[in-house]
């Protein structure tokens, strides 16, 4: 592939990764708000099903995010093999961003499942 094609692929994949996190955060807040609004109308079985489906969606989202990140690294190594820089700009925070993304997925999932299955916090 040419340098241009590799840069386009990298940019597209990074944009997809960003959109995936945005969608996951929106879905997480939607699950929490749904639980808060419908606290009296949802039975335990429904809440368990919601929690299971939410965790499956989270695992799917994280897996797709990881696969896209892997493809970006492959395209960057292709750029290096062509004798070019893997980034248009230096990326000093790459490791920090990876830790934050994993932390966001993990903490957000734990919090959403806790709010789904925990006792009601809505005042009577």
PDB file of N, CA and C in Angstrom:
ATOM      1  N   UNK A   1       0.826  -1.175   0.000  1.00  0.00           N
ATOM      2  CA  UNK A   1       0.000   0.000   0.000  1.00  0.00           C
ATOM      3  C   UNK A   1       0.874   1.244   0.000  1.00  0.00           C
ATOM      4  N   UNK A   2       0.312   2.307  -0.502  1.00  0.00           N
ATOM      5  CA  UNK A   2       1.048   3.564  -0.525  1.00  0.00           C
ATOM      6  C   UNK A   2       0.948   4.263   0.827  1.00  0.00           C
ATOM      7  N   UNK A   3       1.795   5.269   0.999  1.00  0.00           N
ATOM      8  CA  UNK A   3       1.767   6.042   2.245  1.00  0.00           C
ATOM      9  C   UNK A   3       0.398   6.682   2.448  1.00  0.00           C
ATOM     10  N   UNK A   4      -0.152   7.229   1.383  1.00  0.00           N
ATOM     11  CA  UNK A   4      -1.462   7.887   1.469  1.00  0.00           C
ATOM     12  C   UNK A   4      -2.543   6.897   1.922  1.00  0.00           C
ATOM     13  N   UNK A   5      -2.566   5.716   1.312  1.00  0.00           N
ATOM     14  CA  UNK A   5      -3.579   4.715   1.676  1.00  0.00           C
ATOM     15  C   UNK A   5      -3.433   4.282   3.137  1.00  0.00           C
ATOM     16  N   UNK A   6      -2.211   4.110   3.577  1.00  0.00           N
ATOM     17  CA  UNK A   6      -1.989   3.722   4.969  1.00  0.00           C
ATOM     18  C   UNK A   6      -2.452   4.814   5.933  1.00  0.00           C
ATOM     19  N   UNK A   7      -2.149   6.069   5.604  1.00  0.00           N
ATOM     20  CA  UNK A   7      -2.606   7.162   6.465  1.00  0.00           C
ATOM     21  C   UNK A   7      -4.130   7.270   6.481  1.00  0.00           C
ATOM     22  N   UNK A   8      -4.769   7.040   5.355  1.00  0.00           N
ATOM     23  CA  UNK A   8      -6.234   7.066   5.301  1.00  0.00           C
ATOM     24  C   UNK A   8      -6.811   5.946   6.165  1.00  0.00           C
ATOM     25  N   UNK A   9      -6.253   4.752   6.051  1.00  0.00           N
ATOM     26  CA  UNK A   9      -6.724   3.627   6.867  1.00  0.00           C
ATOM     27  C   UNK A   9      -6.534   3.892   8.361  1.00  0.00           C
ATOM     28  N   UNK A  10      -5.382   4.425   8.722  1.00  0.00           N
ATOM     29  CA  UNK A  10      -5.127   4.736  10.126  1.00  0.00           C
ATOM     30  C   UNK A  10      -6.132   5.761  10.631  1.00  0.00           C
ATOM     31  N   UNK A  11      -6.340   6.826   9.867  1.00  0.00           N
ATOM     32  CA  UNK A  11      -7.285   7.864  10.268  1.00  0.00           C
ATOM     33  C   UNK A  11      -8.700   7.311  10.384  1.00  0.00           C
ATOM     34  N   UNK A  12      -9.127   6.501   9.432  1.00  0.00           N
ATOM     35  CA  UNK A  12     -10.469   5.907   9.480  1.00  0.00           C
ATOM     36  C   UNK A  12     -10.635   4.992  10.688  1.00  0.00           C
ATOM     37  N   UNK A  13      -9.633   4.189  10.963  1.00  0.00           N
ATOM     38  CA  UNK A  13      -9.717   3.268  12.104  1.00  0.00           C
ATOM     39  C   UNK A  13      -9.741   4.039  13.424  1.00  0.00           C
ATOM     40  N   UNK A  14      -8.921   5.080  13.538  1.00  0.00           N
ATOM     41  CA  UNK A  14      -8.926   5.877  14.762  1.00  0.00           C
ATOM     42  C   UNK A  14     -10.273   6.577  14.952  1.00  0.00           C
ATOM     43  N   UNK A  15     -10.862   7.047  13.863  1.00  0.00           N
ATOM     44  CA  UNK A  15     -12.184   7.671  13.934  1.00  0.00           C
ATOM     45  C   UNK A  15     -13.230   6.643  14.366  1.00  0.00           C
ATOM     46  N   UNK A  16     -13.147   5.439  13.840  1.00  0.00           N
ATOM     47  CA  UNK A  16     -14.075   4.374  14.247  1.00  0.00           C
ATOM     48  C   UNK A  16     -13.903   4.028  15.725  1.00  0.00           C
ATOM     49  N   UNK A  17     -12.665   3.998  16.193  1.00  0.00           N
ATOM     50  CA  UNK A  17     -12.406   3.704  17.603  1.00  0.00           C
ATOM     51  C   UNK A  17     -13.016   4.783  18.494  1.00  0.00           C
ATOM     52  N   UNK A  18     -12.867   6.025  18.096  1.00  0.00           N
ATOM     53  CA  UNK A  18     -13.429   7.130  18.867  1.00  0.00           C
ATOM     54  C   UNK A  18     -14.962   7.037  18.896  1.00  0.00           C
ATOM     55  N   UNK A  19     -15.559   6.766  17.749  1.00  0.00           N
ATOM     56  CA  UNK A  19     -17.014   6.620  17.689  1.00  0.00           C
ATOM     57  C   UNK A  19     -17.518   5.458  18.529  1.00  0.00           C
ATOM     58  N   UNK A  20     -16.742   4.400  18.594  1.00  0.00           N
ATOM     59  CA  UNK A  20     -17.129   3.239  19.390  1.00  0.00           C
ATOM     60  C   UNK A  20     -17.173   3.577  20.873  1.00  0.00           C
ATOM     61  N   UNK A  21     -16.201   4.324  21.350  1.00  0.00           N
ATOM     62  CA  UNK A  21     -16.207   4.728  22.760  1.00  0.00           C
ATOM     63  C   UNK A  21     -17.374   5.667  23.025  1.00  0.00           C
ATOM     64  N   UNK A  22     -17.632   6.605  22.118  1.00  0.00           N
ATOM     65  CA  UNK A  22     -18.762   7.518  22.302  1.00  0.00           C
ATOM     66  C   UNK A  22     -20.075   6.748  22.415  1.00  0.00           C
ATOM     67  N   UNK A  23     -20.269   5.776  21.539  1.00  0.00           N
ATOM     68  CA  UNK A  23     -21.498   4.988  21.575  1.00  0.00           C
ATOM     69  C   UNK A  23     -21.595   4.191  22.865  1.00  0.00           C
ATOM     70  N   UNK A  24     -20.484   3.598  23.294  1.00  0.00           N
ATOM     71  CA  UNK A  24     -20.502   2.797  24.515  1.00  0.00           C
ATOM     72  C   UNK A  24     -20.821   3.666  25.732  1.00  0.00           C
ATOM     73  N   UNK A  25     -20.235   4.854  25.820  1.00  0.00           N
ATOM     74  CA  UNK A  25     -20.532   5.747  26.941  1.00  0.00           C
ATOM     75  C   UNK A  25     -22.005   6.142  26.930  1.00  0.00           C
ATOM     76  N   UNK A  26     -22.548   6.437  25.752  1.00  0.00           N
ATOM     77  CA  UNK A  26     -23.978   6.775  25.641  1.00  0.00           C
ATOM     78  C   UNK A  26     -24.846   5.611  26.088  1.00  0.00           C
ATOM     79  N   UNK A  27     -24.500   4.413  25.669  1.00  0.00           N
ATOM     80  CA  UNK A  27     -25.270   3.229  26.065  1.00  0.00           C
ATOM     81  C   UNK A  27     -25.180   2.993  27.567  1.00  0.00           C
ATOM     82  N   UNK A  28     -24.017   3.240  28.151  1.00  0.00           N
ATOM     83  CA  UNK A  28     -23.847   3.068  29.589  1.00  0.00           C
ATOM     84  C   UNK A  28     -24.759   4.026  30.355  1.00  0.00           C
ATOM     85  N   UNK A  29     -24.771   5.273  29.958  1.00  0.00           N
ATOM     86  CA  UNK A  29     -25.643   6.231  30.636  1.00  0.00           C
ATOM     87  C   UNK A  29     -27.111   5.909  30.383  1.00  0.00           C
ATOM     88  N   UNK A  30     -27.440   5.413  29.205  1.00  0.00           N
ATOM     89  CA  UNK A  30     -28.827   5.031  28.919  1.00  0.00           C
ATOM     90  C   UNK A  30     -29.289   3.900  29.831  1.00  0.00           C
ATOM     91  N   UNK A  31     -28.417   2.934  30.065  1.00  0.00           N
ATOM     92  CA  UNK A  31     -28.760   1.814  30.954  1.00  0.00           C
ATOM     93  C   UNK A  31     -28.977   2.320  32.378  1.00  0.00           C
ATOM     94  N   UNK A  32     -28.102   3.202  32.840  1.00  0.00           N
ATOM     95  CA  UNK A  32     -28.228   3.732  34.199  1.00  0.00           C
ATOM     96  C   UNK A  32     -29.496   4.567  34.338  1.00  0.00           C
ATOM     97  N   UNK A  33     -29.782   5.419  33.359  1.00  0.00           N
ATOM     98  CA  UNK A  33     -30.986   6.257  33.409  1.00  0.00           C
ATOM     99  C   UNK A  33     -32.243   5.398  33.317  1.00  0.00           C
ATOM    100  N   UNK A  34     -32.239   4.382  32.468  1.00  0.00           N
ATOM    101  CA  UNK A  34     -33.401   3.489  32.364  1.00  0.00           C
ATOM    102  C   UNK A  34     -33.690   2.813  33.692  1.00  0.00           C
ATOM    103  N   UNK A  35     -32.655   2.392  34.367  1.00  0.00           N
ATOM    104  CA  UNK A  35     -32.836   1.757  35.680  1.00  0.00           C
ATOM    105  C   UNK A  35     -33.393   2.757  36.681  1.00  0.00           C
ATOM    106  N   UNK A  36     -32.882   3.971  36.660  1.00  0.00           N
ATOM    107  CA  UNK A  36     -33.330   4.990  37.606  1.00  0.00           C
ATOM    108  C   UNK A  36     -34.787   5.372  37.350  1.00  0.00           C
ATOM    109  N   UNK A  37     -35.161   5.537  36.086  1.00  0.00           N
ATOM    110  CA  UNK A  37     -36.520   5.967  35.741  1.00  0.00           C
ATOM    111  C   UNK A  37     -37.532   4.852  35.973  1.00  0.00           C
ATOM    112  N   UNK A  38     -37.172   3.635  35.652  1.00  0.00           N
ATOM    113  CA  UNK A  38     -38.124   2.516  35.713  1.00  0.00           C
ATOM    114  C   UNK A  38     -37.889   1.632  36.929  1.00  0.00           C
ATOM    115  N   UNK A  39     -37.393   2.201  38.011  1.00  0.00           N
ATOM    116  CA  UNK A  39     -37.005   1.422  39.178  1.00  0.00           C
ATOM    117  C   UNK A  39     -38.141   0.569  39.722  1.00  0.00           C
ATOM    118  N   UNK A  40     -39.351   1.069  39.706  1.00  0.00           N
ATOM    119  CA  UNK A  40     -40.477   0.337  40.282  1.00  0.00           C
ATOM    120  C   UNK A  40     -41.129  -0.644  39.303  1.00  0.00           C
ATOM    121  N   UNK A  41     -40.805  -0.541  38.037  1.00  0.00           N
ATOM    122  CA  UNK A  41     -41.482  -1.358  37.034  1.00  0.00           C
ATOM    123  C   UNK A  41     -40.656  -2.526  36.503  1.00  0.00           C
ATOM    124  N   UNK A  42     -39.407  -2.607  36.892  1.00  0.00           N
ATOM    125  CA  UNK A  42     -38.535  -3.666  36.384  1.00  0.00           C
ATOM    126  C   UNK A  42     -38.337  -4.747  37.445  1.00  0.00           C
ATOM    127  N   UNK A  43     -38.638  -5.985  37.066  1.00  0.00           N
ATOM    128  CA  UNK A  43     -38.416  -7.106  37.971  1.00  0.00           C
ATOM    129  C   UNK A  43     -36.954  -7.522  37.976  1.00  0.00           C
ATOM    130  N   UNK A  44     -36.575  -8.365  38.928  1.00  0.00           N
ATOM    131  CA  UNK A  44     -35.186  -8.815  39.033  1.00  0.00           C
ATOM    132  C   UNK A  44     -34.731  -9.566  37.796  1.00  0.00           C
ATOM    133  N   UNK A  45     -35.609 -10.384  37.235  1.00  0.00           N
ATOM    134  CA  UNK A  45     -35.211 -11.141  36.032  1.00  0.00           C
ATOM    135  C   UNK A  45     -34.902 -10.205  34.874  1.00  0.00           C
ATOM    136  N   UNK A  46     -35.730  -9.194  34.710  1.00  0.00           N
ATOM    137  CA  UNK A  46     -35.494  -8.223  33.635  1.00  0.00           C
ATOM    138  C   UNK A  46     -34.168  -7.502  33.868  1.00  0.00           C
ATOM    139  N   UNK A  47     -33.891  -7.145  35.100  1.00  0.00           N
ATOM    140  CA  UNK A  47     -32.629  -6.468  35.411  1.00  0.00           C
ATOM    141  C   UNK A  47     -31.431  -7.372  35.139  1.00  0.00           C
ATOM    142  N   UNK A  48     -31.555  -8.664  35.477  1.00  0.00           N
ATOM    143  CA  UNK A  48     -30.461  -9.606  35.186  1.00  0.00           C
ATOM    144  C   UNK A  48     -30.247  -9.754  33.684  1.00  0.00           C
ATOM    145  N   UNK A  49     -31.337  -9.801  32.926  1.00  0.00           N
ATOM    146  CA  UNK A  49     -31.214  -9.893  31.463  1.00  0.00           C
ATOM    147  C   UNK A  49     -30.564  -8.621  30.919  1.00  0.00           C
ATOM    148  N   UNK A  50     -30.999  -7.466  31.425  1.00  0.00           N
ATOM    149  CA  UNK A  50     -30.390  -6.203  30.988  1.00  0.00           C
ATOM    150  C   UNK A  50     -28.898  -6.181  31.306  1.00  0.00           C
ATOM    151  N   UNK A  51     -28.533  -6.644  32.495  1.00  0.00           N
ATOM    152  CA  UNK A  51     -27.120  -6.661  32.883  1.00  0.00           C
ATOM    153  C   UNK A  51     -26.314  -7.598  31.983  1.00  0.00           C
ATOM    154  N   UNK A  52     -26.877  -8.773  31.703  1.00  0.00           N
ATOM    155  CA  UNK A  52     -26.165  -9.733  30.840  1.00  0.00           C
ATOM    156  C   UNK A  52     -25.994  -9.175  29.431  1.00  0.00           C
ATOM    157  N   UNK A  53     -27.043  -8.590  28.880  1.00  0.00           N
ATOM    158  CA  UNK A  53     -26.958  -8.020  27.535  1.00  0.00           C
ATOM    159  C   UNK A  53     -25.984  -6.840  27.508  1.00  0.00           C
ATOM    160  N   UNK A  54     -26.011  -6.030  28.544  1.00  0.00           N
ATOM    161  CA  UNK A  54     -25.093  -4.890  28.609  1.00  0.00           C
ATOM    162  C   UNK A  54     -23.641  -5.367  28.669  1.00  0.00           C
ATOM    163  N   UNK A  55     -23.366  -6.392  29.485  1.00  0.00           N
ATOM    164  CA  UNK A  55     -21.990  -6.906  29.577  1.00  0.00           C
ATOM    165  C   UNK A  55     -21.544  -7.525  28.253  1.00  0.00           C
ATOM    166  N   UNK A  56     -22.452  -8.214  27.569  1.00  0.00           N
ATOM    167  CA  UNK A  56     -22.101  -8.775  26.262  1.00  0.00           C
ATOM    168  C   UNK A  56     -21.803  -7.665  25.263  1.00  0.00           C
ATOM    169  N   UNK A  57     -22.613  -6.607  25.271  1.00  0.00           N
ATOM    170  CA  UNK A  57     -22.372  -5.477  24.372  1.00  0.00           C
ATOM    171  C   UNK A  57     -21.049  -4.792  24.698  1.00  0.00           C
ATOM    172  N   UNK A  58     -20.729  -4.696  25.980  1.00  0.00           N
ATOM    173  CA  UNK A  58     -19.454  -4.101  26.387  1.00  0.00           C
ATOM    174  C   UNK A  58     -18.284  -4.943  25.903  1.00  0.00           C
ATOM    175  N   UNK A  59     -18.379  -6.259  26.070  1.00  0.00           N
ATOM    176  CA  UNK A  59     -17.294  -7.134  25.605  1.00  0.00           C
ATOM    177  C   UNK A  59     -17.135  -7.041  24.088  1.00  0.00           C
ATOM    178  N   UNK A  60     -18.236  -6.980  23.373  1.00  0.00           N
ATOM    179  CA  UNK A  60     -18.175  -6.845  21.919  1.00  0.00           C
ATOM    180  C   UNK A  60     -17.519  -5.514  21.541  1.00  0.00           C
ATOM    181  N   UNK A  61     -17.946  -4.440  22.183  1.00  0.00           N
ATOM    182  CA  UNK A  61     -17.387  -3.125  21.894  1.00  0.00           C
ATOM    183  C   UNK A  61     -15.889  -3.081  22.190  1.00  0.00           C
ATOM    184  N   UNK A  62     -15.483  -3.616  23.339  1.00  0.00           N
ATOM    185  CA  UNK A  62     -14.067  -3.601  23.694  1.00  0.00           C
ATOM    186  C   UNK A  62     -13.244  -4.473  22.745  1.00  0.00           C
ATOM    187  N   UNK A  63     -13.803  -5.611  22.360  1.00  0.00           N
ATOM    188  CA  UNK A  63     -13.099  -6.488  21.421  1.00  0.00           C
ATOM    189  C   UNK A  63     -12.908  -5.805  20.073  1.00  0.00           C
ATOM    190  N   UNK A  64     -13.965  -5.171  19.578  1.00  0.00           N
ATOM    191  CA  UNK A  64     -13.850  -4.445  18.303  1.00  0.00           C
ATOM    192  C   UNK A  64     -12.859  -3.296  18.426  1.00  0.00           C
ATOM    193  N   UNK A  65     -12.889  -2.592  19.562  1.00  0.00           N
ATOM    194  CA  UNK A  65     -11.946  -1.500  19.800  1.00  0.00           C
ATOM    195  C   UNK A  65     -10.513  -2.028  19.757  1.00  0.00           C
ATOM    196  N   UNK A  66     -10.283  -3.150  20.415  1.00  0.00           N
ATOM    197  CA  UNK A  66      -8.943  -3.755  20.445  1.00  0.00           C
ATOM    198  C   UNK A  66      -8.500  -4.206  19.059  1.00  0.00           C
ATOM    199  N   UNK A  67      -9.405  -4.801  18.294  1.00  0.00           N
ATOM    200  CA  UNK A  67      -9.061  -5.245  16.943  1.00  0.00           C
ATOM    201  C   UNK A  67      -8.714  -4.066  16.042  1.00  0.00           C
ATOM    202  N   UNK A  68      -9.476  -2.975  16.156  1.00  0.00           N
ATOM    203  CA  UNK A  68      -9.155  -1.787  15.364  1.00  0.00           C
ATOM    204  C   UNK A  68      -7.794  -1.225  15.778  1.00  0.00           C
ATOM    205  N   UNK A  69      -7.536  -1.201  17.088  1.00  0.00           N
ATOM    206  CA  UNK A  69      -6.234  -0.730  17.556  1.00  0.00           C
ATOM    207  C   UNK A  69      -5.099  -1.588  17.030  1.00  0.00           C
ATOM    208  N   UNK A  70      -5.323  -2.887  16.963  1.00  0.00           N
ATOM    209  CA  UNK A  70      -4.317  -3.792  16.408  1.00  0.00           C
ATOM    210  C   UNK A  70      -4.077  -3.502  14.930  1.00  0.00           C
ATOM    211  N   UNK A  71      -5.154  -3.246  14.190  1.00  0.00           N
ATOM    212  CA  UNK A  71      -5.002  -2.926  12.757  1.00  0.00           C
ATOM    213  C   UNK A  71      -4.207  -1.631  12.585  1.00  0.00           C
ATOM    214  N   UNK A  72      -4.459  -0.643  13.448  1.00  0.00           N
ATOM    215  CA  UNK A  72      -3.710   0.619  13.371  1.00  0.00           C
ATOM    216  C   UNK A  72      -2.218   0.343  13.577  1.00  0.00           C
ATOM    217  N   UNK A  73      -1.883  -0.488  14.556  1.00  0.00           N
ATOM    218  CA  UNK A  73      -0.467  -0.813  14.792  1.00  0.00           C
ATOM    219  C   UNK A  73       0.147  -1.532  13.580  1.00  0.00           C
ATOM    220  N   UNK A  74      -0.631  -2.398  12.941  1.00  0.00           N
ATOM    221  CA  UNK A  74      -0.126  -3.087  11.742  1.00  0.00           C
ATOM    222  C   UNK A  74       0.141  -2.086  10.623  1.00  0.00           C
ATOM    223  N   UNK A  75      -0.793  -1.155  10.412  1.00  0.00           N
ATOM    224  CA  UNK A  75      -0.597  -0.143   9.367  1.00  0.00           C
ATOM    225  C   UNK A  75       0.588   0.763   9.695  1.00  0.00           C
ATOM    226  N   UNK A  76       0.774   1.070  10.980  1.00  0.00           N
ATOM    227  CA  UNK A  76       1.920   1.888  11.370  1.00  0.00           C
ATOM    228  C   UNK A  76       3.233   1.149  11.122  1.00  0.00           C
ATOM    229  N   UNK A  77       3.247  -0.149  11.378  1.00  0.00           N
ATOM    230  CA  UNK A  77       4.472  -0.911  11.101  1.00  0.00           C
ATOM    231  C   UNK A  77       4.726  -1.000   9.598  1.00  0.00           C
ATOM    232  N   UNK A  78       3.654  -1.005   8.803  1.00  0.00           N
ATOM    233  CA  UNK A  78       3.827  -0.954   7.345  1.00  0.00           C
ATOM    234  C   UNK A  78       4.463   0.370   6.926  1.00  0.00           C
ATOM    235  N   UNK A  79       4.057   1.459   7.585  1.00  0.00           N
ATOM    236  CA  UNK A  79       4.682   2.755   7.288  1.00  0.00           C
ATOM    237  C   UNK A  79       6.168   2.729   7.640  1.00  0.00           C
ATOM    238  N   UNK A  80       6.505   2.144   8.773  1.00  0.00           N
ATOM    239  CA  UNK A  80       7.914   2.053   9.186  1.00  0.00           C
ATOM    240  C   UNK A  80       8.693   1.215   8.181  1.00  0.00           C
ATOM    241  N   UNK A  81       8.070   0.118   7.718  1.00  0.00           N
ATOM    242  CA  UNK A  81       8.730  -0.738   6.727  1.00  0.00           C
ATOM    243  C   UNK A  81       9.005   0.021   5.427  1.00  0.00           C
ATOM    244  N   UNK A  82       8.151   1.005   5.116  1.00  0.00           N
ATOM    245  CA  UNK A  82       8.376   1.835   3.933  1.00  0.00           C
ATOM    246  C   UNK A  82       9.409   2.932   4.188  1.00  0.00           C
ATOM    247  N   UNK A  83       9.891   3.023   5.442  1.00  0.00           N
ATOM    248  CA  UNK A  83      10.881   4.037   5.785  1.00  0.00           C
ATOM    249  C   UNK A  83      10.261   5.353   6.196  1.00  0.00           C
ATOM    250  N   UNK A  84       8.995   5.327   6.605  1.00  0.00           N
ATOM    251  CA  UNK A  84       8.291   6.556   6.984  1.00  0.00           C
ATOM    252  C   UNK A  84       7.990   6.553   8.478  1.00  0.00           C
ATOM    253  N   UNK A  85       7.639   7.713   8.996  1.00  0.00           N
ATOM    254  CA  UNK A  85       7.282   7.824  10.413  1.00  0.00           C
ATOM    255  C   UNK A  85       5.901   7.208  10.635  1.00  0.00           C
ATOM    256  N   UNK A  86       5.706   6.461  11.720  1.00  0.00           N
ATOM    257  CA  UNK A  86       4.410   5.818  11.961  1.00  0.00           C
ATOM    258  C   UNK A  86       3.312   6.800  12.346  1.00  0.00           C
ATOM    259  N   UNK A  87       3.675   7.977  12.833  1.00  0.00           N
ATOM    260  CA  UNK A  87       2.710   9.001  13.203  1.00  0.00           C
ATOM    261  C   UNK A  87       3.056  10.290  12.489  1.00  0.00           C
ATOM    262  N   UNK A  88       2.028  11.070  12.181  1.00  0.00           N
ATOM    263  CA  UNK A  88       2.300  12.394  11.629  1.00  0.00           C
ATOM    264  C   UNK A  88       2.881  13.299  12.701  1.00  0.00           C
ATOM    265  N   UNK A  89       2.508  13.032  13.971  1.00  0.00           N
ATOM    266  CA  UNK A  89       3.026  13.783  15.111  1.00  0.00           C
ATOM    267  C   UNK A  89       3.464  12.761  16.166  1.00  0.00           C
ATOM    268  N   UNK A  90       4.405  13.117  17.022  1.00  0.00           N
ATOM    269  CA  UNK A  90       4.786  12.206  18.102  1.00  0.00           C
ATOM    270  C   UNK A  90       3.587  11.943  19.025  1.00  0.00           C
ATOM    271  N   UNK A  91       3.492  10.732  19.551  1.00  0.00           N
ATOM    272  CA  UNK A  91       2.381  10.331  20.416  1.00  0.00           C
ATOM    273  C   UNK A  91       2.913   9.960  21.796  1.00  0.00           C
ATOM    274  N   UNK A  92       3.233  10.958  22.641  1.00  0.00           N
ATOM    275  CA  UNK A  92       3.830  10.647  23.943  1.00  0.00           C
ATOM    276  C   UNK A  92       2.838  10.037  24.928  1.00  0.00           C
ATOM    277  N   UNK A  93       1.555  10.205  24.700  1.00  0.00           N
ATOM    278  CA  UNK A  93       0.561   9.748  25.672  1.00  0.00           C
ATOM    279  C   UNK A  93      -0.119   8.447  25.256  1.00  0.00           C
ATOM    280  N   UNK A  94       0.434   7.711  24.322  1.00  0.00           N
ATOM    281  CA  UNK A  94      -0.216   6.500  23.826  1.00  0.00           C
ATOM    282  C   UNK A  94      -0.496   5.500  24.943  1.00  0.00           C
ATOM    283  N   UNK A  95       0.502   5.251  25.815  1.00  0.00           N
ATOM    284  CA  UNK A  95       0.323   4.306  26.922  1.00  0.00           C
ATOM    285  C   UNK A  95      -0.716   4.791  27.919  1.00  0.00           C
ATOM    286  N   UNK A  96      -0.680   6.085  28.223  1.00  0.00           N
ATOM    287  CA  UNK A  96      -1.667   6.650  29.150  1.00  0.00           C
ATOM    288  C   UNK A  96      -3.076   6.532  28.588  1.00  0.00           C
ATOM    289  N   UNK A  97      -3.225   6.773  27.300  1.00  0.00           N
ATOM    290  CA  UNK A  97      -4.542   6.667  26.679  1.00  0.00           C
ATOM    291  C   UNK A  97      -5.044   5.231  26.729  1.00  0.00           C
ATOM    292  N   UNK A  98      -4.175   4.280  26.513  1.00  0.00           N
ATOM    293  CA  UNK A  98      -4.585   2.878  26.564  1.00  0.00           C
ATOM    294  C   UNK A  98      -5.063   2.505  27.960  1.00  0.00           C
ATOM    295  N   UNK A  99      -4.348   2.950  28.986  1.00  0.00           N
ATOM    296  CA  UNK A  99      -4.745   2.676  30.367  1.00  0.00           C
ATOM    297  C   UNK A  99      -6.083   3.335  30.671  1.00  0.00           C
ATOM    298  N   UNK A 100      -6.274   4.560  30.216  1.00  0.00           N
ATOM    299  CA  UNK A 100      -7.536   5.261  30.461  1.00  0.00           C
ATOM    300  C   UNK A 100      -8.716   4.587  29.760  1.00  0.00           C
ATOM    301  N   UNK A 101      -8.517   4.117  28.549  1.00  0.00           N
ATOM    302  CA  UNK A 101      -9.604   3.442  27.824  1.00  0.00           C
ATOM    303  C   UNK A 101      -9.993   2.144  28.529  1.00  0.00           C
ATOM    304  N   UNK A 102      -8.994   1.357  28.910  1.00  0.00           N
ATOM    305  CA  UNK A 102      -9.287   0.110  29.625  1.00  0.00           C
ATOM    306  C   UNK A 102      -9.971   0.425  30.957  1.00  0.00           C
ATOM    307  N   UNK A 103      -9.507   1.440  31.660  1.00  0.00           N
ATOM    308  CA  UNK A 103     -10.130   1.845  32.912  1.00  0.00           C
ATOM    309  C   UNK A 103     -11.555   2.323  32.720  1.00  0.00           C
ATOM    310  N   UNK A 104     -11.790   3.063  31.645  1.00  0.00           N
ATOM    311  CA  UNK A 104     -13.143   3.539  31.350  1.00  0.00           C
ATOM    312  C   UNK A 104     -14.087   2.371  31.099  1.00  0.00           C
ATOM    313  N   UNK A 105     -13.678   1.444  30.267  1.00  0.00           N
ATOM    314  CA  UNK A 105     -14.510   0.270  29.999  1.00  0.00           C
ATOM    315  C   UNK A 105     -14.762  -0.524  31.283  1.00  0.00           C
ATOM    316  N   UNK A 106     -13.714  -0.766  32.056  1.00  0.00           N
ATOM    317  CA  UNK A 106     -13.846  -1.580  33.257  1.00  0.00           C
ATOM    318  C   UNK A 106     -14.692  -0.891  34.324  1.00  0.00           C
ATOM    319  N   UNK A 107     -14.350   0.338  34.669  1.00  0.00           N
ATOM    320  CA  UNK A 107     -15.090   1.058  35.714  1.00  0.00           C
ATOM    321  C   UNK A 107     -16.523   1.345  35.280  1.00  0.00           C
ATOM    322  N   UNK A 108     -16.712   1.713  34.023  1.00  0.00           N
ATOM    323  CA  UNK A 108     -18.063   1.988  33.531  1.00  0.00           C
ATOM    324  C   UNK A 108     -18.949   0.759  33.549  1.00  0.00           C
ATOM    325  N   UNK A 109     -18.385  -0.379  33.189  1.00  0.00           N
ATOM    326  CA  UNK A 109     -19.156  -1.621  33.195  1.00  0.00           C
ATOM    327  C   UNK A 109     -19.509  -2.022  34.622  1.00  0.00           C
ATOM    328  N   UNK A 110     -18.547  -1.952  35.511  1.00  0.00           N
ATOM    329  CA  UNK A 110     -18.813  -2.310  36.911  1.00  0.00           C
ATOM    330  C   UNK A 110     -19.877  -1.378  37.494  1.00  0.00           C
ATOM    331  N   UNK A 111     -19.766  -0.089  37.238  1.00  0.00           N
ATOM    332  CA  UNK A 111     -20.740   0.872  37.776  1.00  0.00           C
ATOM    333  C   UNK A 111     -22.133   0.621  37.195  1.00  0.00           C
ATOM    334  N   UNK A 112     -22.229   0.406  35.889  1.00  0.00           N
ATOM    335  CA  UNK A 112     -23.539   0.191  35.275  1.00  0.00           C
ATOM    336  C   UNK A 112     -24.198  -1.086  35.796  1.00  0.00           C
ATOM    337  N   UNK A 113     -23.427  -2.155  35.915  1.00  0.00           N
ATOM    338  CA  UNK A 113     -23.985  -3.409  36.429  1.00  0.00           C
ATOM    339  C   UNK A 113     -24.369  -3.246  37.904  1.00  0.00           C
ATOM    340  N   UNK A 114     -23.573  -2.516  38.662  1.00  0.00           N
ATOM    341  CA  UNK A 114     -23.912  -2.258  40.061  1.00  0.00           C
ATOM    342  C   UNK A 114     -25.241  -1.493  40.160  1.00  0.00           C
ATOM    343  N   UNK A 115     -25.397  -0.451  39.337  1.00  0.00           N
ATOM    344  CA  UNK A 115     -26.636   0.316  39.375  1.00  0.00           C
ATOM    345  C   UNK A 115     -27.820  -0.506  38.891  1.00  0.00           C
ATOM    346  N   UNK A 116     -27.576  -1.410  37.959  1.00  0.00           N
ATOM    347  CA  UNK A 116     -28.661  -2.272  37.477  1.00  0.00           C
ATOM    348  C   UNK A 116     -29.102  -3.271  38.533  1.00  0.00           C
ATOM    349  N   UNK A 117     -28.148  -3.917  39.178  1.00  0.00           N
ATOM    350  CA  UNK A 117     -28.483  -5.018  40.066  1.00  0.00           C
ATOM    351  C   UNK A 117     -28.483  -4.660  41.550  1.00  0.00           C
ATOM    352  N   UNK A 118     -27.962  -3.485  41.870  1.00  0.00           N
ATOM    353  CA  UNK A 118     -27.921  -3.062  43.267  1.00  0.00           C
ATOM    354  C   UNK A 118     -29.309  -2.670  43.759  1.00  0.00           C
ATOM    355  N   UNK A 119     -29.369  -2.416  45.041  1.00  0.00           N
ATOM    356  CA  UNK A 119     -30.642  -1.986  45.613  1.00  0.00           C
ATOM    357  C   UNK A 119     -31.027  -0.622  45.058  1.00  0.00           C
ATOM    358  N   UNK A 120     -32.280  -0.339  45.105  1.00  0.00           N
ATOM    359  CA  UNK A 120     -32.779   0.937  44.593  1.00  0.00           C
ATOM    360  C   UNK A 120     -32.214   2.092  45.412  1.00  0.00           C
ATOM    361  N   UNK A 121     -31.734   3.137  44.743  1.00  0.00           N
ATOM    362  CA  UNK A 121     -31.224   4.309  45.440  1.00  0.00           C
ATOM    363  C   UNK A 121     -32.214   5.460  45.347  1.00  0.00           C
ATOM    364  N   UNK A 122     -33.346   5.211  44.681  1.00  0.00           N
ATOM    365  CA  UNK A 122     -34.360   6.260  44.528  1.00  0.00           C
ATOM    366  C   UNK A 122     -35.118   6.408  45.850  1.00  0.00           C
ATOM    367  N   UNK A 123     -35.246   7.637  46.304  1.00  0.00           N
ATOM    368  CA  UNK A 123     -35.933   7.885  47.578  1.00  0.00           C
ATOM    369  C   UNK A 123     -37.431   7.590  47.429  1.00  0.00           C
ATOM    370  N   UNK A 124     -37.988   6.997  48.459  1.00  0.00           N
ATOM    371  CA  UNK A 124     -39.431   6.685  48.436  1.00  0.00           C
ATOM    372  C   UNK A 124     -40.235   7.844  48.978  1.00  0.00           C
TER     373      UNK A 124
END
